[in-house]
Amino acid sequence: MKRYLVAGMLLWGIVPGVTACGDVGKPHPSRSGAVTMPNLVGKNGAVAKDDLERLGFADDRIKLSPENRVFVAMPSHWTVAAQSEKPGTRVSLQELIVLSVDKMRHPWLHHN
């Protein structure tokens, strides 16, 4: 039984005495420089996030923020409605980028 417990802890990333929460929100130490902010409004949330990561932003520097404060589990189901930095401006790779997102509407799922 103990062997299964240890295997489960490793599978789920649970290790006694270890926490991954300490660095949340801090700038990534190896990321420096600045990039030109693209226009992400209207893009799929997952595509927008990938675009920012390709520019050099660390995952913890990109936040998807829905209006109703629901956790965004699947960025591909959301559309970017606004972004914290204007397109065309130079932005540090250590800046926190907030993408305001709306839930995608699928006409075939809604009955009027």
N, C-alpha and C. Protein backbone atom coordinates (compact mmCIF):
# COMPACT_ATOMS: atom_id res chain seq x y z
N MET A 1 0.83 -1.20 0.00
CA MET A 1 0.00 0.00 0.00
C MET A 1 0.87 1.26 0.00
N LYS A 2 1.96 1.22 0.78
CA LYS A 2 2.83 2.38 0.87
C LYS A 2 3.44 2.70 -0.50
N ARG A 3 3.79 1.66 -1.26
CA ARG A 3 4.37 1.85 -2.59
C ARG A 3 3.40 2.60 -3.50
N TYR A 4 2.09 2.27 -3.44
CA TYR A 4 1.09 2.94 -4.26
C TYR A 4 0.90 4.39 -3.82
N LEU A 5 0.98 4.64 -2.53
CA LEU A 5 0.85 6.00 -2.01
C LEU A 5 2.00 6.87 -2.52
N VAL A 6 3.21 6.36 -2.45
CA VAL A 6 4.38 7.10 -2.92
C VAL A 6 4.27 7.34 -4.43
N ALA A 7 3.87 6.31 -5.18
CA ALA A 7 3.72 6.46 -6.63
C ALA A 7 2.66 7.51 -6.95
N GLY A 8 1.57 7.51 -6.21
CA GLY A 8 0.51 8.51 -6.42
C GLY A 8 0.99 9.91 -6.10
N MET A 9 1.78 10.05 -5.05
CA MET A 9 2.31 11.36 -4.68
C MET A 9 3.23 11.88 -5.78
N LEU A 10 4.05 11.02 -6.32
CA LEU A 10 4.95 11.43 -7.40
C LEU A 10 4.18 11.79 -8.65
N LEU A 11 3.15 11.00 -8.96
CA LEU A 11 2.32 11.26 -10.14
C LEU A 11 1.65 12.62 -10.05
N TRP A 12 1.13 12.97 -8.89
CA TRP A 12 0.42 14.24 -8.72
C TRP A 12 1.34 15.38 -8.29
N GLY A 13 2.63 15.12 -8.16
CA GLY A 13 3.56 16.18 -7.80
C GLY A 13 3.50 16.57 -6.34
N ILE A 14 3.02 15.67 -5.49
CA ILE A 14 2.93 15.96 -4.07
C ILE A 14 4.13 15.33 -3.39
N VAL A 15 5.01 16.17 -2.88
CA VAL A 15 6.17 15.69 -2.17
C VAL A 15 6.20 16.40 -0.82
N PRO A 16 6.18 15.66 0.27
CA PRO A 16 6.17 16.29 1.59
C PRO A 16 7.32 17.27 1.76
N GLY A 17 7.00 18.47 2.29
CA GLY A 17 8.02 19.46 2.57
C GLY A 17 8.43 20.29 1.38
N VAL A 18 7.83 20.07 0.22
CA VAL A 18 8.20 20.82 -0.98
C VAL A 18 6.99 21.59 -1.47
N THR A 19 7.20 22.85 -1.79
CA THR A 19 6.11 23.66 -2.32
C THR A 19 6.55 24.35 -3.59
N ALA A 20 5.63 24.49 -4.52
CA ALA A 20 5.93 25.17 -5.79
C ALA A 20 5.33 26.56 -5.81
N CYS A 21 4.73 26.98 -4.70
CA CYS A 21 4.00 28.26 -4.68
C CYS A 21 4.89 29.45 -4.37
N GLY A 22 6.10 29.25 -3.93
CA GLY A 22 6.95 30.34 -3.49
C GLY A 22 7.32 31.33 -4.57
N ASP A 23 7.44 30.92 -5.82
CA ASP A 23 7.90 31.80 -6.87
C ASP A 23 6.78 32.36 -7.74
N VAL A 24 5.54 32.09 -7.39
CA VAL A 24 4.42 32.55 -8.21
C VAL A 24 4.38 34.07 -8.19
N GLY A 25 4.29 34.67 -9.36
CA GLY A 25 4.18 36.12 -9.46
C GLY A 25 5.50 36.85 -9.50
N LYS A 26 6.61 36.17 -9.29
CA LYS A 26 7.92 36.82 -9.35
C LYS A 26 8.44 36.76 -10.78
N PRO A 27 9.17 37.80 -11.22
CA PRO A 27 9.73 37.76 -12.57
C PRO A 27 10.71 36.61 -12.73
N HIS A 28 10.74 36.03 -13.90
CA HIS A 28 11.68 34.95 -14.20
C HIS A 28 13.07 35.56 -14.27
N PRO A 29 14.03 35.07 -13.48
CA PRO A 29 15.34 35.70 -13.41
C PRO A 29 16.14 35.66 -14.71
N SER A 30 15.91 34.69 -15.57
CA SER A 30 16.70 34.58 -16.79
C SER A 30 16.08 35.34 -17.97
N ARG A 31 14.92 35.93 -17.79
CA ARG A 31 14.26 36.64 -18.89
C ARG A 31 14.60 38.12 -18.79
N SER A 32 15.18 38.66 -19.84
CA SER A 32 15.46 40.09 -19.86
C SER A 32 15.19 40.60 -21.26
N GLY A 33 15.15 41.89 -21.38
CA GLY A 33 14.90 42.50 -22.66
C GLY A 33 13.45 42.94 -22.80
N ALA A 34 13.13 43.40 -23.97
CA ALA A 34 11.78 43.89 -24.24
C ALA A 34 11.38 43.45 -25.64
N VAL A 35 10.08 43.35 -25.83
CA VAL A 35 9.52 42.96 -27.13
C VAL A 35 8.38 43.90 -27.47
N THR A 36 7.99 43.90 -28.73
CA THR A 36 6.85 44.68 -29.17
C THR A 36 5.59 43.86 -28.93
N MET A 37 4.65 44.46 -28.22
CA MET A 37 3.42 43.76 -27.87
C MET A 37 2.54 43.58 -29.10
N PRO A 38 2.12 42.34 -29.39
CA PRO A 38 1.23 42.11 -30.52
C PRO A 38 -0.22 42.42 -30.15
N ASN A 39 -1.07 42.52 -31.16
CA ASN A 39 -2.51 42.67 -30.92
C ASN A 39 -3.08 41.27 -30.76
N LEU A 40 -3.57 40.97 -29.55
CA LEU A 40 -4.09 39.64 -29.25
C LEU A 40 -5.61 39.61 -29.16
N VAL A 41 -6.25 40.77 -29.22
CA VAL A 41 -7.70 40.85 -29.08
C VAL A 41 -8.37 40.09 -30.22
N GLY A 42 -9.33 39.24 -29.85
CA GLY A 42 -10.05 38.43 -30.82
C GLY A 42 -9.45 37.05 -31.04
N LYS A 43 -8.24 36.85 -30.51
CA LYS A 43 -7.59 35.54 -30.68
C LYS A 43 -8.08 34.56 -29.63
N ASN A 44 -7.98 33.30 -29.96
CA ASN A 44 -8.23 32.21 -29.03
C ASN A 44 -7.24 32.36 -27.87
N GLY A 45 -7.69 32.11 -26.63
CA GLY A 45 -6.84 32.28 -25.46
C GLY A 45 -5.58 31.44 -25.50
N ALA A 46 -5.68 30.20 -25.96
CA ALA A 46 -4.50 29.32 -26.03
C ALA A 46 -3.51 29.82 -27.08
N VAL A 47 -4.01 30.31 -28.20
CA VAL A 47 -3.15 30.83 -29.26
C VAL A 47 -2.44 32.09 -28.78
N ALA A 48 -3.17 32.98 -28.11
CA ALA A 48 -2.59 34.22 -27.59
C ALA A 48 -1.48 33.91 -26.57
N LYS A 49 -1.75 32.96 -25.69
CA LYS A 49 -0.76 32.57 -24.68
C LYS A 49 0.48 31.99 -25.35
N ASP A 50 0.29 31.14 -26.35
CA ASP A 50 1.42 30.58 -27.11
C ASP A 50 2.22 31.68 -27.80
N ASP A 51 1.52 32.66 -28.38
CA ASP A 51 2.21 33.77 -29.05
C ASP A 51 3.12 34.52 -28.07
N LEU A 52 2.61 34.78 -26.86
CA LEU A 52 3.42 35.48 -25.85
C LEU A 52 4.60 34.64 -25.39
N GLU A 53 4.40 33.34 -25.23
CA GLU A 53 5.50 32.47 -24.82
C GLU A 53 6.57 32.40 -25.90
N ARG A 54 6.16 32.40 -27.17
CA ARG A 54 7.13 32.40 -28.28
C ARG A 54 7.94 33.70 -28.30
N LEU A 55 7.34 34.80 -27.86
CA LEU A 55 8.06 36.08 -27.79
C LEU A 55 9.08 36.08 -26.65
N GLY A 56 8.90 35.16 -25.67
CA GLY A 56 9.86 35.08 -24.57
C GLY A 56 9.27 35.26 -23.19
N PHE A 57 7.96 35.50 -23.08
CA PHE A 57 7.34 35.64 -21.77
C PHE A 57 7.26 34.28 -21.08
N ALA A 58 7.60 34.24 -19.79
CA ALA A 58 7.46 33.02 -19.00
C ALA A 58 5.98 32.79 -18.72
N ASP A 59 5.62 31.54 -18.50
CA ASP A 59 4.23 31.17 -18.23
C ASP A 59 3.64 31.96 -17.05
N ASP A 60 4.45 32.21 -16.03
CA ASP A 60 3.94 32.92 -14.85
C ASP A 60 3.83 34.43 -15.06
N ARG A 61 4.18 34.91 -16.25
CA ARG A 61 4.06 36.34 -16.59
C ARG A 61 2.82 36.59 -17.45
N ILE A 62 2.03 35.52 -17.72
CA ILE A 62 0.83 35.62 -18.55
C ILE A 62 -0.36 35.19 -17.72
N LYS A 63 -1.35 36.09 -17.59
CA LYS A 63 -2.54 35.76 -16.80
C LYS A 63 -3.78 35.93 -17.66
N LEU A 64 -4.60 34.89 -17.72
CA LEU A 64 -5.89 34.98 -18.39
C LEU A 64 -6.93 35.32 -17.32
N SER A 65 -7.64 36.42 -17.52
CA SER A 65 -8.55 36.92 -16.50
C SER A 65 -9.97 37.04 -17.04
N PRO A 66 -10.86 36.12 -16.66
CA PRO A 66 -12.25 36.22 -17.10
C PRO A 66 -13.01 37.24 -16.25
N GLU A 67 -14.03 37.86 -16.84
CA GLU A 67 -14.81 38.88 -16.13
C GLU A 67 -15.49 38.34 -14.89
N ASN A 68 -16.04 37.14 -14.97
CA ASN A 68 -16.80 36.61 -13.85
C ASN A 68 -15.93 35.87 -12.83
N ARG A 69 -14.62 36.02 -12.96
CA ARG A 69 -13.65 35.48 -12.02
C ARG A 69 -13.69 33.96 -11.88
N VAL A 70 -13.99 33.30 -12.97
CA VAL A 70 -13.95 31.84 -13.02
C VAL A 70 -12.54 31.44 -13.40
N PHE A 71 -12.06 30.34 -12.86
CA PHE A 71 -10.73 29.84 -13.22
C PHE A 71 -10.73 29.40 -14.67
N VAL A 72 -9.72 29.77 -15.41
CA VAL A 72 -9.60 29.39 -16.82
C VAL A 72 -8.84 28.08 -16.89
N ALA A 73 -9.56 26.97 -16.99
CA ALA A 73 -8.93 25.65 -17.05
C ALA A 73 -8.46 25.32 -18.46
N MET A 74 -9.23 25.74 -19.46
CA MET A 74 -8.88 25.44 -20.85
C MET A 74 -8.86 26.74 -21.64
N PRO A 75 -7.67 27.35 -21.80
CA PRO A 75 -7.58 28.62 -22.52
C PRO A 75 -8.16 28.57 -23.93
N SER A 76 -8.18 27.38 -24.54
CA SER A 76 -8.69 27.26 -25.91
C SER A 76 -10.20 27.50 -25.98
N HIS A 77 -10.89 27.52 -24.84
CA HIS A 77 -12.34 27.77 -24.82
C HIS A 77 -12.67 29.24 -24.56
N TRP A 78 -11.65 30.09 -24.59
CA TRP A 78 -11.83 31.51 -24.29
C TRP A 78 -11.27 32.36 -25.43
N THR A 79 -11.80 33.58 -25.56
CA THR A 79 -11.35 34.53 -26.57
C THR A 79 -10.84 35.79 -25.86
N VAL A 80 -9.73 36.33 -26.32
CA VAL A 80 -9.17 37.54 -25.72
C VAL A 80 -10.05 38.73 -26.08
N ALA A 81 -10.53 39.45 -25.05
CA ALA A 81 -11.38 40.63 -25.24
C ALA A 81 -10.60 41.91 -25.05
N ALA A 82 -9.55 41.88 -24.24
CA ALA A 82 -8.71 43.07 -23.98
C ALA A 82 -7.36 42.59 -23.47
N GLN A 83 -6.38 43.47 -23.55
CA GLN A 83 -5.05 43.13 -23.06
C GLN A 83 -4.49 44.30 -22.27
N SER A 84 -3.65 44.00 -21.27
CA SER A 84 -3.15 45.03 -20.37
C SER A 84 -2.17 45.98 -21.04
N GLU A 85 -1.47 45.55 -22.05
CA GLU A 85 -0.50 46.39 -22.77
C GLU A 85 -0.99 46.65 -24.19
N LYS A 86 -0.89 47.89 -24.62
CA LYS A 86 -1.37 48.25 -25.95
C LYS A 86 -0.51 47.61 -27.04
N PRO A 87 -1.14 47.16 -28.13
CA PRO A 87 -0.37 46.62 -29.25
C PRO A 87 0.61 47.66 -29.79
N GLY A 88 1.80 47.20 -30.14
CA GLY A 88 2.81 48.09 -30.71
C GLY A 88 3.74 48.72 -29.69
N THR A 89 3.43 48.61 -28.40
CA THR A 89 4.30 49.20 -27.38
C THR A 89 5.40 48.21 -27.01
N ARG A 90 6.54 48.74 -26.56
CA ARG A 90 7.64 47.90 -26.09
C ARG A 90 7.34 47.50 -24.65
N VAL A 91 7.46 46.20 -24.38
CA VAL A 91 7.13 45.66 -23.08
C VAL A 91 8.27 44.77 -22.59
N SER A 92 8.64 44.94 -21.32
CA SER A 92 9.66 44.09 -20.71
C SER A 92 9.14 42.66 -20.61
N LEU A 93 10.03 41.69 -20.81
CA LEU A 93 9.66 40.29 -20.69
C LEU A 93 9.34 39.90 -19.25
N GLN A 94 9.65 40.79 -18.30
CA GLN A 94 9.34 40.54 -16.90
C GLN A 94 7.99 41.14 -16.50
N GLU A 95 7.37 41.89 -17.41
CA GLU A 95 6.06 42.49 -17.15
C GLU A 95 4.99 41.41 -17.07
N LEU A 96 4.03 41.59 -16.15
CA LEU A 96 2.89 40.69 -16.08
C LEU A 96 1.88 41.12 -17.15
N ILE A 97 1.55 40.23 -18.06
CA ILE A 97 0.59 40.52 -19.12
C ILE A 97 -0.75 39.91 -18.74
N VAL A 98 -1.77 40.75 -18.66
CA VAL A 98 -3.11 40.28 -18.30
C VAL A 98 -3.98 40.33 -19.55
N LEU A 99 -4.53 39.18 -19.90
CA LEU A 99 -5.44 39.07 -21.03
C LEU A 99 -6.84 38.87 -20.48
N SER A 100 -7.72 39.85 -20.69
CA SER A 100 -9.12 39.70 -20.29
C SER A 100 -9.78 38.83 -21.33
N VAL A 101 -10.45 37.77 -20.87
CA VAL A 101 -11.03 36.80 -21.80
C VAL A 101 -12.52 36.62 -21.57
N ASP A 102 -13.20 36.27 -22.64
CA ASP A 102 -14.63 35.93 -22.61
C ASP A 102 -14.78 34.49 -23.05
N LYS A 103 -15.79 33.83 -22.51
CA LYS A 103 -16.06 32.44 -22.89
C LYS A 103 -16.51 32.41 -24.34
N MET A 104 -15.93 31.50 -25.11
CA MET A 104 -16.33 31.36 -26.52
C MET A 104 -17.76 30.85 -26.59
N ARG A 105 -18.49 31.37 -27.52
CA ARG A 105 -19.87 30.95 -27.73
C ARG A 105 -19.91 30.04 -28.95
N HIS A 106 -20.47 28.86 -28.76
CA HIS A 106 -20.62 27.91 -29.85
C HIS A 106 -22.10 27.84 -30.21
N PRO A 107 -22.48 28.34 -31.38
CA PRO A 107 -23.90 28.40 -31.76
C PRO A 107 -24.60 27.04 -31.71
N TRP A 108 -23.87 25.97 -32.00
CA TRP A 108 -24.49 24.66 -32.02
C TRP A 108 -24.79 24.13 -30.62
N LEU A 109 -24.25 24.80 -29.57
CA LEU A 109 -24.51 24.37 -28.21
C LEU A 109 -25.68 25.12 -27.55
N HIS A 110 -26.10 26.23 -28.16
CA HIS A 110 -27.12 27.07 -27.56
C HIS A 110 -28.43 26.96 -28.36
N HIS A 111 -29.50 26.76 -27.64
CA HIS A 111 -30.80 26.69 -28.26
C HIS A 111 -31.62 27.91 -27.86
N ASN A 112 -32.06 28.68 -28.84
CA ASN A 112 -32.84 29.90 -28.55
C ASN A 112 -34.31 29.67 -28.73
